[in-house]
Amino acid sequence: MARLPFDDEHAPLYSVGQVADMLNVEQAFLRRLDEHDVVRPARSSGGQRRYTRHEIGDLQDAIRLVGEGMTLAAIRRIFALQQQVRELEEELAREREARSGG
């Protein structure tokens, strides 16, 4: 069976208005997160922001962190460090598999 775009959590399907409504935030706030490199959605051929389900999860995390008093610069750094940890965990898993003869 063919996989549909909405089955892919990385498919850019949701507009800024849709996401703002989903998360109960202002569209301007989402644009600010984009401008400050916190969550950078893809752009449609017409230049409109299009969010993935994965990015919506990141936005939820960012909203929570803002609520805890974090600045956008701090959130951007937290996200970068989380990505580094994920990459290192993947590298470690590959190394362990290689050593075990996997």
PDB file of N, CA and C in Angstrom:
ATOM      1  N   MET A   1       0.844  -1.184   0.000  1.00  0.00           N
ATOM      2  CA  MET A   1       0.000   0.000   0.000  1.00  0.00           C
ATOM      3  C   MET A   1       0.885   1.242   0.000  1.00  0.00           C
ATOM      4  N   ALA A   2       0.556   2.206  -0.827  1.00  0.00           N
ATOM      5  CA  ALA A   2       1.343   3.429  -0.944  1.00  0.00           C
ATOM      6  C   ALA A   2       1.232   4.249   0.338  1.00  0.00           C
ATOM      7  N   ARG A   3       2.339   4.834   0.705  1.00  0.00           N
ATOM      8  CA  ARG A   3       2.370   5.687   1.891  1.00  0.00           C
ATOM      9  C   ARG A   3       1.905   7.086   1.497  1.00  0.00           C
ATOM     10  N   LEU A   4       0.985   7.645   2.252  1.00  0.00           N
ATOM     11  CA  LEU A   4       0.435   8.961   1.963  1.00  0.00           C
ATOM     12  C   LEU A   4       1.220  10.038   2.701  1.00  0.00           C
ATOM     13  N   PRO A   5       1.224  11.290   2.175  1.00  0.00           N
ATOM     14  CA  PRO A   5       1.996  12.353   2.826  1.00  0.00           C
ATOM     15  C   PRO A   5       1.664  12.532   4.300  1.00  0.00           C
ATOM     16  N   PHE A   6       0.382  12.409   4.674  1.00  0.00           N
ATOM     17  CA  PHE A   6       0.039  12.636   6.077  1.00  0.00           C
ATOM     18  C   PHE A   6       0.480  11.486   6.976  1.00  0.00           C
ATOM     19  N   ASP A   7       0.940  10.380   6.387  1.00  0.00           N
ATOM     20  CA  ASP A   7       1.510   9.288   7.172  1.00  0.00           C
ATOM     21  C   ASP A   7       2.947   9.607   7.609  1.00  0.00           C
ATOM     22  N   ASP A   8       3.573  10.549   6.926  1.00  0.00           N
ATOM     23  CA  ASP A   8       4.973  10.906   7.170  1.00  0.00           C
ATOM     24  C   ASP A   8       5.045  12.085   8.129  1.00  0.00           C
ATOM     25  N   GLU A   9       5.638  11.868   9.317  1.00  0.00           N
ATOM     26  CA  GLU A   9       5.708  12.946  10.302  1.00  0.00           C
ATOM     27  C   GLU A   9       6.600  14.097   9.841  1.00  0.00           C
ATOM     28  N   HIS A  10       7.355  13.891   8.760  1.00  0.00           N
ATOM     29  CA  HIS A  10       8.242  14.942   8.248  1.00  0.00           C
ATOM     30  C   HIS A  10       7.701  15.602   6.980  1.00  0.00           C
ATOM     31  N   ALA A  11       6.452  15.315   6.621  1.00  0.00           N
ATOM     32  CA  ALA A  11       5.836  15.943   5.444  1.00  0.00           C
ATOM     33  C   ALA A  11       5.314  17.326   5.838  1.00  0.00           C
ATOM     34  N   PRO A  12       5.722  18.374   5.115  1.00  0.00           N
ATOM     35  CA  PRO A  12       5.287  19.744   5.456  1.00  0.00           C
ATOM     36  C   PRO A  12       3.861  20.016   4.978  1.00  0.00           C
ATOM     37  N   LEU A  13       2.892  19.784   5.851  1.00  0.00           N
ATOM     38  CA  LEU A  13       1.491  19.826   5.457  1.00  0.00           C
ATOM     39  C   LEU A  13       0.682  20.957   6.085  1.00  0.00           C
ATOM     40  N   TYR A  14       1.107  21.509   7.194  1.00  0.00           N
ATOM     41  CA  TYR A  14       0.258  22.401   7.976  1.00  0.00           C
ATOM     42  C   TYR A  14       0.682  23.861   7.852  1.00  0.00           C
ATOM     43  N   SER A  15      -0.296  24.726   7.622  1.00  0.00           N
ATOM     44  CA  SER A  15      -0.023  26.163   7.494  1.00  0.00           C
ATOM     45  C   SER A  15       0.175  26.785   8.872  1.00  0.00           C
ATOM     46  N   VAL A  16       0.722  27.987   8.870  1.00  0.00           N
ATOM     47  CA  VAL A  16       0.951  28.687  10.133  1.00  0.00           C
ATOM     48  C   VAL A  16      -0.382  28.932  10.849  1.00  0.00           C
ATOM     49  N   GLY A  17      -1.443  29.222  10.102  1.00  0.00           N
ATOM     50  CA  GLY A  17      -2.746  29.429  10.719  1.00  0.00           C
ATOM     51  C   GLY A  17      -3.289  28.176  11.367  1.00  0.00           C
ATOM     52  N   GLN A  18      -3.143  27.052  10.676  1.00  0.00           N
ATOM     53  CA  GLN A  18      -3.609  25.773  11.226  1.00  0.00           C
ATOM     54  C   GLN A  18      -2.851  25.430  12.507  1.00  0.00           C
ATOM     55  N   VAL A  19      -1.540  25.616  12.472  1.00  0.00           N
ATOM     56  CA  VAL A  19      -0.716  25.265  13.634  1.00  0.00           C
ATOM     57  C   VAL A  19      -1.013  26.208  14.797  1.00  0.00           C
ATOM     58  N   ALA A  20      -1.179  27.490  14.508  1.00  0.00           N
ATOM     59  CA  ALA A  20      -1.514  28.451  15.567  1.00  0.00           C
ATOM     60  C   ALA A  20      -2.823  28.056  16.242  1.00  0.00           C
ATOM     61  N   ASP A  21      -3.807  27.649  15.437  1.00  0.00           N
ATOM     62  CA  ASP A  21      -5.084  27.213  16.009  1.00  0.00           C
ATOM     63  C   ASP A  21      -4.912  25.943  16.840  1.00  0.00           C
ATOM     64  N   MET A  22      -4.132  24.981  16.324  1.00  0.00           N
ATOM     65  CA  MET A  22      -3.913  23.720  17.041  1.00  0.00           C
ATOM     66  C   MET A  22      -3.291  23.952  18.409  1.00  0.00           C
ATOM     67  N   LEU A  23      -2.309  24.863  18.439  1.00  0.00           N
ATOM     68  CA  LEU A  23      -1.522  25.068  19.657  1.00  0.00           C
ATOM     69  C   LEU A  23      -2.014  26.239  20.499  1.00  0.00           C
ATOM     70  N   ASN A  24      -3.060  26.911  20.006  1.00  0.00           N
ATOM     71  CA  ASN A  24      -3.640  28.043  20.729  1.00  0.00           C
ATOM     72  C   ASN A  24      -2.607  29.144  21.005  1.00  0.00           C
ATOM     73  N   VAL A  25      -1.857  29.495  19.953  1.00  0.00           N
ATOM     74  CA  VAL A  25      -0.891  30.596  20.031  1.00  0.00           C
ATOM     75  C   VAL A  25      -1.140  31.531  18.857  1.00  0.00           C
ATOM     76  N   GLU A  26      -0.547  32.706  18.929  1.00  0.00           N
ATOM     77  CA  GLU A  26      -0.661  33.674  17.841  1.00  0.00           C
ATOM     78  C   GLU A  26       0.256  33.271  16.680  1.00  0.00           C
ATOM     79  N   GLN A  27      -0.195  33.552  15.469  1.00  0.00           N
ATOM     80  CA  GLN A  27       0.639  33.292  14.292  1.00  0.00           C
ATOM     81  C   GLN A  27       1.951  34.069  14.385  1.00  0.00           C
ATOM     82  N   ALA A  28       1.902  35.259  14.926  1.00  0.00           N
ATOM     83  CA  ALA A  28       3.118  36.083  15.063  1.00  0.00           C
ATOM     84  C   ALA A  28       4.162  35.383  15.929  1.00  0.00           C
ATOM     85  N   PHE A  29       3.707  34.652  16.940  1.00  0.00           N
ATOM     86  CA  PHE A  29       4.635  33.914  17.801  1.00  0.00           C
ATOM     87  C   PHE A  29       5.342  32.829  17.001  1.00  0.00           C
ATOM     88  N   LEU A  30       4.600  32.114  16.153  1.00  0.00           N
ATOM     89  CA  LEU A  30       5.217  31.076  15.322  1.00  0.00           C
ATOM     90  C   LEU A  30       6.212  31.690  14.344  1.00  0.00           C
ATOM     91  N   ARG A  31       5.866  32.826  13.770  1.00  0.00           N
ATOM     92  CA  ARG A  31       6.804  33.503  12.857  1.00  0.00           C
ATOM     93  C   ARG A  31       8.065  33.926  13.599  1.00  0.00           C
ATOM     94  N   ARG A  32       7.890  34.359  14.844  1.00  0.00           N
ATOM     95  CA  ARG A  32       9.056  34.761  15.649  1.00  0.00           C
ATOM     96  C   ARG A  32       9.970  33.566  15.928  1.00  0.00           C
ATOM     97  N   LEU A  33       9.381  32.409  16.218  1.00  0.00           N
ATOM     98  CA  LEU A  33      10.197  31.211  16.440  1.00  0.00           C
ATOM     99  C   LEU A  33      10.988  30.860  15.179  1.00  0.00           C
ATOM    100  N   ASP A  34      10.388  31.056  14.022  1.00  0.00           N
ATOM    101  CA  ASP A  34      11.072  30.817  12.743  1.00  0.00           C
ATOM    102  C   ASP A  34      12.197  31.833  12.559  1.00  0.00           C
ATOM    103  N   GLU A  35      11.899  33.092  12.751  1.00  0.00           N
ATOM    104  CA  GLU A  35      12.892  34.155  12.549  1.00  0.00           C
ATOM    105  C   GLU A  35      14.089  34.006  13.488  1.00  0.00           C
ATOM    106  N   HIS A  36      13.868  33.431  14.662  1.00  0.00           N
ATOM    107  CA  HIS A  36      14.945  33.249  15.642  1.00  0.00           C
ATOM    108  C   HIS A  36      15.564  31.856  15.560  1.00  0.00           C
ATOM    109  N   ASP A  37      15.286  31.126  14.462  1.00  0.00           N
ATOM    110  CA  ASP A  37      15.883  29.802  14.221  1.00  0.00           C
ATOM    111  C   ASP A  37      15.582  28.783  15.311  1.00  0.00           C
ATOM    112  N   VAL A  38      14.433  28.902  15.955  1.00  0.00           N
ATOM    113  CA  VAL A  38      14.047  27.919  16.959  1.00  0.00           C
ATOM    114  C   VAL A  38      13.388  26.730  16.266  1.00  0.00           C
ATOM    115  N   VAL A  39      12.369  26.992  15.463  1.00  0.00           N
ATOM    116  CA  VAL A  39      11.716  25.977  14.630  1.00  0.00           C
ATOM    117  C   VAL A  39      11.560  26.586  13.250  1.00  0.00           C
ATOM    118  N   ARG A  40      12.275  26.020  12.265  1.00  0.00           N
ATOM    119  CA  ARG A  40      12.285  26.558  10.896  1.00  0.00           C
ATOM    120  C   ARG A  40      11.511  25.633   9.970  1.00  0.00           C
ATOM    121  N   PRO A  41      10.248  25.964   9.679  1.00  0.00           N
ATOM    122  CA  PRO A  41       9.470  25.111   8.782  1.00  0.00           C
ATOM    123  C   PRO A  41       9.893  25.292   7.331  1.00  0.00           C
ATOM    124  N   ALA A  42       9.509  24.324   6.511  1.00  0.00           N
ATOM    125  CA  ALA A  42       9.727  24.445   5.060  1.00  0.00           C
ATOM    126  C   ALA A  42       8.816  25.541   4.530  1.00  0.00           C
ATOM    127  N   ARG A  43       9.081  25.947   3.303  1.00  0.00           N
ATOM    128  CA  ARG A  43       8.234  26.945   2.648  1.00  0.00           C
ATOM    129  C   ARG A  43       7.581  26.317   1.426  1.00  0.00           C
ATOM    130  N   SER A  44       6.341  26.701   1.194  1.00  0.00           N
ATOM    131  CA  SER A  44       5.642  26.251  -0.008  1.00  0.00           C
ATOM    132  C   SER A  44       6.224  26.979  -1.209  1.00  0.00           C
ATOM    133  N   SER A  45       5.817  26.595  -2.409  1.00  0.00           N
ATOM    134  CA  SER A  45       6.310  27.282  -3.608  1.00  0.00           C
ATOM    135  C   SER A  45       5.914  28.755  -3.587  1.00  0.00           C
ATOM    136  N   GLY A  46       4.841  29.087  -2.878  1.00  0.00           N
ATOM    137  CA  GLY A  46       4.418  30.482  -2.747  1.00  0.00           C
ATOM    138  C   GLY A  46       5.065  31.197  -1.576  1.00  0.00           C
ATOM    139  N   GLY A  47       5.974  30.523  -0.859  1.00  0.00           N
ATOM    140  CA  GLY A  47       6.699  31.151   0.242  1.00  0.00           C
ATOM    141  C   GLY A  47       6.018  31.050   1.597  1.00  0.00           C
ATOM    142  N   GLN A  48       4.910  30.326   1.691  1.00  0.00           N
ATOM    143  CA  GLN A  48       4.218  30.186   2.972  1.00  0.00           C
ATOM    144  C   GLN A  48       4.859  29.085   3.808  1.00  0.00           C
ATOM    145  N   ARG A  49       4.889  29.323   5.111  1.00  0.00           N
ATOM    146  CA  ARG A  49       5.431  28.319   6.020  1.00  0.00           C
ATOM    147  C   ARG A  49       4.541  27.086   6.008  1.00  0.00           C
ATOM    148  N   ARG A  50       5.173  25.904   6.011  1.00  0.00           N
ATOM    149  CA  ARG A  50       4.458  24.633   6.072  1.00  0.00           C
ATOM    150  C   ARG A  50       5.142  23.767   7.117  1.00  0.00           C
ATOM    151  N   TYR A  51       4.404  23.432   8.153  1.00  0.00           N
ATOM    152  CA  TYR A  51       4.942  22.680   9.286  1.00  0.00           C
ATOM    153  C   TYR A  51       4.672  21.185   9.148  1.00  0.00           C
ATOM    154  N   THR A  52       5.599  20.390   9.669  1.00  0.00           N
ATOM    155  CA  THR A  52       5.436  18.938   9.745  1.00  0.00           C
ATOM    156  C   THR A  52       4.897  18.585  11.126  1.00  0.00           C
ATOM    157  N   ARG A  53       4.412  17.357  11.268  1.00  0.00           N
ATOM    158  CA  ARG A  53       3.991  16.911  12.601  1.00  0.00           C
ATOM    159  C   ARG A  53       5.173  16.926  13.569  1.00  0.00           C
ATOM    160  N   HIS A  54       6.348  16.581  13.075  1.00  0.00           N
ATOM    161  CA  HIS A  54       7.549  16.599  13.915  1.00  0.00           C
ATOM    162  C   HIS A  54       7.824  18.016  14.428  1.00  0.00           C
ATOM    163  N   GLU A  55       7.724  18.999  13.532  1.00  0.00           N
ATOM    164  CA  GLU A  55       7.954  20.394  13.939  1.00  0.00           C
ATOM    165  C   GLU A  55       6.890  20.886  14.909  1.00  0.00           C
ATOM    166  N   ILE A  56       5.668  20.409  14.750  1.00  0.00           N
ATOM    167  CA  ILE A  56       4.615  20.784  15.689  1.00  0.00           C
ATOM    168  C   ILE A  56       4.975  20.290  17.090  1.00  0.00           C
ATOM    169  N   GLY A  57       5.563  19.105  17.182  1.00  0.00           N
ATOM    170  CA  GLY A  57       6.059  18.613  18.472  1.00  0.00           C
ATOM    171  C   GLY A  57       7.140  19.511  19.037  1.00  0.00           C
ATOM    172  N   ASP A  58       8.050  19.960  18.167  1.00  0.00           N
ATOM    173  CA  ASP A  58       9.095  20.897  18.607  1.00  0.00           C
ATOM    174  C   ASP A  58       8.478  22.207  19.077  1.00  0.00           C
ATOM    175  N   LEU A  59       7.449  22.673  18.369  1.00  0.00           N
ATOM    176  CA  LEU A  59       6.771  23.903  18.778  1.00  0.00           C
ATOM    177  C   LEU A  59       6.138  23.733  20.155  1.00  0.00           C
ATOM    178  N   GLN A  60       5.533  22.580  20.414  1.00  0.00           N
ATOM    179  CA  GLN A  60       4.948  22.326  21.728  1.00  0.00           C
ATOM    180  C   GLN A  60       6.022  22.401  22.812  1.00  0.00           C
ATOM    181  N   ASP A  61       7.191  21.829  22.531  1.00  0.00           N
ATOM    182  CA  ASP A  61       8.305  21.900  23.485  1.00  0.00           C
ATOM    183  C   ASP A  61       8.748  23.346  23.690  1.00  0.00           C
ATOM    184  N   ALA A  62       8.843  24.104  22.601  1.00  0.00           N
ATOM    185  CA  ALA A  62       9.270  25.501  22.692  1.00  0.00           C
ATOM    186  C   ALA A  62       8.272  26.322  23.509  1.00  0.00           C
ATOM    187  N   ILE A  63       6.991  26.100  23.278  1.00  0.00           N
ATOM    188  CA  ILE A  63       5.957  26.825  24.027  1.00  0.00           C
ATOM    189  C   ILE A  63       6.071  26.518  25.515  1.00  0.00           C
ATOM    190  N   ARG A  64       6.299  25.254  25.834  1.00  0.00           N
ATOM    191  CA  ARG A  64       6.462  24.868  27.242  1.00  0.00           C
ATOM    192  C   ARG A  64       7.683  25.565  27.855  1.00  0.00           C
ATOM    193  N   LEU A  65       8.794  25.587  27.106  1.00  0.00           N
ATOM    194  CA  LEU A  65      10.015  26.215  27.615  1.00  0.00           C
ATOM    195  C   LEU A  65       9.861  27.723  27.774  1.00  0.00           C
ATOM    196  N   VAL A  66       9.156  28.368  26.852  1.00  0.00           N
ATOM    197  CA  VAL A  66       8.876  29.803  27.003  1.00  0.00           C
ATOM    198  C   VAL A  66       8.068  30.018  28.277  1.00  0.00           C
ATOM    199  N   GLY A  67       7.101  29.143  28.510  1.00  0.00           N
ATOM    200  CA  GLY A  67       6.286  29.223  29.726  1.00  0.00           C
ATOM    201  C   GLY A  67       7.095  29.059  30.997  1.00  0.00           C
ATOM    202  N   GLU A  68       8.224  28.365  30.889  1.00  0.00           N
ATOM    203  CA  GLU A  68       9.122  28.183  32.032  1.00  0.00           C
ATOM    204  C   GLU A  68      10.132  29.323  32.160  1.00  0.00           C
ATOM    205  N   GLY A  69      10.035  30.306  31.252  1.00  0.00           N
ATOM    206  CA  GLY A  69      10.886  31.482  31.358  1.00  0.00           C
ATOM    207  C   GLY A  69      12.133  31.462  30.489  1.00  0.00           C
ATOM    208  N   MET A  70      12.260  30.494  29.612  1.00  0.00           N
ATOM    209  CA  MET A  70      13.441  30.416  28.741  1.00  0.00           C
ATOM    210  C   MET A  70      13.354  31.463  27.620  1.00  0.00           C
ATOM    211  N   THR A  71      14.497  31.993  27.243  1.00  0.00           N
ATOM    212  CA  THR A  71      14.550  32.896  26.091  1.00  0.00           C
ATOM    213  C   THR A  71      14.596  32.072  24.815  1.00  0.00           C
ATOM    214  N   LEU A  72      14.328  32.717  23.681  1.00  0.00           N
ATOM    215  CA  LEU A  72      14.391  31.998  22.406  1.00  0.00           C
ATOM    216  C   LEU A  72      15.806  31.521  22.121  1.00  0.00           C
ATOM    217  N   ALA A  73      16.804  32.311  22.501  1.00  0.00           N
ATOM    218  CA  ALA A  73      18.199  31.890  22.318  1.00  0.00           C
ATOM    219  C   ALA A  73      18.497  30.637  23.150  1.00  0.00           C
ATOM    220  N   ALA A  74      17.975  30.596  24.374  1.00  0.00           N
ATOM    221  CA  ALA A  74      18.198  29.424  25.228  1.00  0.00           C
ATOM    222  C   ALA A  74      17.498  28.201  24.647  1.00  0.00           C
ATOM    223  N   ILE A  75      16.284  28.382  24.138  1.00  0.00           N
ATOM    224  CA  ILE A  75      15.544  27.263  23.554  1.00  0.00           C
ATOM    225  C   ILE A  75      16.264  26.742  22.322  1.00  0.00           C
ATOM    226  N   ARG A  76      16.754  27.652  21.493  1.00  0.00           N
ATOM    227  CA  ARG A  76      17.507  27.243  20.305  1.00  0.00           C
ATOM    228  C   ARG A  76      18.717  26.402  20.716  1.00  0.00           C
ATOM    229  N   ARG A  77      19.412  26.806  21.772  1.00  0.00           N
ATOM    230  CA  ARG A  77      20.587  26.068  22.254  1.00  0.00           C
ATOM    231  C   ARG A  77      20.184  24.703  22.820  1.00  0.00           C
ATOM    232  N   ILE A  78      19.095  24.656  23.558  1.00  0.00           N
ATOM    233  CA  ILE A  78      18.604  23.390  24.105  1.00  0.00           C
ATOM    234  C   ILE A  78      18.305  22.424  22.965  1.00  0.00           C
ATOM    235  N   PHE A  79      17.600  22.912  21.934  1.00  0.00           N
ATOM    236  CA  PHE A  79      17.266  22.059  20.793  1.00  0.00           C
ATOM    237  C   PHE A  79      18.537  21.563  20.090  1.00  0.00           C
ATOM    238  N   ALA A  80      19.528  22.437  19.948  1.00  0.00           N
ATOM    239  CA  ALA A  80      20.780  22.041  19.299  1.00  0.00           C
ATOM    240  C   ALA A  80      21.488  20.960  20.124  1.00  0.00           C
ATOM    241  N   LEU A  81      21.501  21.126  21.432  1.00  0.00           N
ATOM    242  CA  LEU A  81      22.140  20.132  22.296  1.00  0.00           C
ATOM    243  C   LEU A  81      21.377  18.807  22.273  1.00  0.00           C
ATOM    244  N   GLN A  82      20.049  18.874  22.231  1.00  0.00           N
ATOM    245  CA  GLN A  82      19.263  17.640  22.138  1.00  0.00           C
ATOM    246  C   GLN A  82      19.578  16.901  20.837  1.00  0.00           C
ATOM    247  N   GLN A  83      19.736  17.647  19.744  1.00  0.00           N
ATOM    248  CA  GLN A  83      20.080  17.028  18.463  1.00  0.00           C
ATOM    249  C   GLN A  83      21.463  16.382  18.536  1.00  0.00           C
ATOM    250  N   GLN A  84      22.405  17.059  19.183  1.00  0.00           N
ATOM    251  CA  GLN A  84      23.749  16.489  19.343  1.00  0.00           C
ATOM    252  C   GLN A  84      23.683  15.177  20.123  1.00  0.00           C
ATOM    253  N   VAL A  85      22.908  15.157  21.183  1.00  0.00           N
ATOM    254  CA  VAL A  85      22.772  13.949  21.996  1.00  0.00           C
ATOM    255  C   VAL A  85      22.193  12.816  21.148  1.00  0.00           C
ATOM    256  N   ARG A  86      21.144  13.118  20.367  1.00  0.00           N
ATOM    257  CA  ARG A  86      20.552  12.080  19.503  1.00  0.00           C
ATOM    258  C   ARG A  86      21.593  11.527  18.535  1.00  0.00           C
ATOM    259  N   GLU A  87      22.379  12.414  17.913  1.00  0.00           N
ATOM    260  CA  GLU A  87      23.396  11.977  16.954  1.00  0.00           C
ATOM    261  C   GLU A  87      24.458  11.118  17.640  1.00  0.00           C
ATOM    262  N   LEU A  88      24.880  11.523  18.832  1.00  0.00           N
ATOM    263  CA  LEU A  88      25.886  10.743  19.560  1.00  0.00           C
ATOM    264  C   LEU A  88      25.335   9.378  19.981  1.00  0.00           C
ATOM    265  N   GLU A  89      24.062   9.348  20.381  1.00  0.00           N
ATOM    266  CA  GLU A  89      23.441   8.070  20.744  1.00  0.00           C
ATOM    267  C   GLU A  89      23.381   7.140  19.537  1.00  0.00           C
ATOM    268  N   GLU A  90      23.056   7.690  18.365  1.00  0.00           N
ATOM    269  CA  GLU A  90      23.016   6.879  17.146  1.00  0.00           C
ATOM    270  C   GLU A  90      24.409   6.364  16.795  1.00  0.00           C
ATOM    271  N   GLU A  91      25.405   7.234  16.932  1.00  0.00           N
ATOM    272  CA  GLU A  91      26.783   6.823  16.640  1.00  0.00           C
ATOM    273  C   GLU A  91      27.225   5.729  17.605  1.00  0.00           C
ATOM    274  N   LEU A  92      26.896   5.885  18.871  1.00  0.00           N
ATOM    275  CA  LEU A  92      27.247   4.884  19.873  1.00  0.00           C
ATOM    276  C   LEU A  92      26.567   3.549  19.561  1.00  0.00           C
ATOM    277  N   ALA A  93      25.310   3.595  19.160  1.00  0.00           N
ATOM    278  CA  ALA A  93      24.583   2.367  18.815  1.00  0.00           C
ATOM    279  C   ALA A  93      25.236   1.675  17.625  1.00  0.00           C
ATOM    280  N   ARG A  94      25.661   2.464  16.618  1.00  0.00           N
ATOM    281  CA  ARG A  94      26.352   1.874  15.455  1.00  0.00           C
ATOM    282  C   ARG A  94      27.666   1.234  15.878  1.00  0.00           C
ATOM    283  N   GLU A  95      28.410   1.905  16.745  1.00  0.00           N
ATOM    284  CA  GLU A  95      29.688   1.357  17.228  1.00  0.00           C
ATOM    285  C   GLU A  95      29.469   0.059  18.000  1.00  0.00           C
ATOM    286  N   ARG A  96      28.461   0.034  18.850  1.00  0.00           N
ATOM    287  CA  ARG A  96      28.174  -1.173  19.619  1.00  0.00           C
ATOM    288  C   ARG A  96      27.781  -2.325  18.703  1.00  0.00           C
ATOM    289  N   GLU A  97      26.991  -2.011  17.692  1.00  0.00           N
ATOM    290  CA  GLU A  97      26.571  -3.039  16.737  1.00  0.00           C
ATOM    291  C   GLU A  97      27.765  -3.567  15.962  1.00  0.00           C
ATOM    292  N   ALA A  98      28.647  -2.673  15.556  1.00  0.00           N
ATOM    293  CA  ALA A  98      29.836  -3.093  14.800  1.00  0.00           C
ATOM    294  C   ALA A  98      30.732  -3.991  15.658  1.00  0.00           C
ATOM    295  N   ARG A  99      30.868  -3.663  16.938  1.00  0.00           N
ATOM    296  CA  ARG A  99      31.717  -4.452  17.827  1.00  0.00           C
ATOM    297  C   ARG A  99      31.117  -5.811  18.141  1.00  0.00           C
ATOM    298  N   SER A 100      29.801  -5.888  18.126  1.00  0.00           N
ATOM    299  CA  SER A 100      29.164  -7.169  18.439  1.00  0.00           C
ATOM    300  C   SER A 100      29.046  -8.053  17.211  1.00  0.00           C
ATOM    301  N   GLY A 101      29.520  -7.540  16.085  1.00  0.00           N
ATOM    302  CA  GLY A 101      29.496  -8.322  14.857  1.00  0.00           C
ATOM    303  C   GLY A 101      28.175  -8.248  14.142  1.00  0.00           C
ATOM    304  N   GLY A 102      27.319  -7.247  14.558  1.00  0.00           N
ATOM    305  CA  GLY A 102      25.963  -7.098  14.070  1.00  0.00           C
ATOM    306  C   GLY A 102      25.766  -6.995  12.644  1.00  0.00           C
TER     307      GLY A 102
END
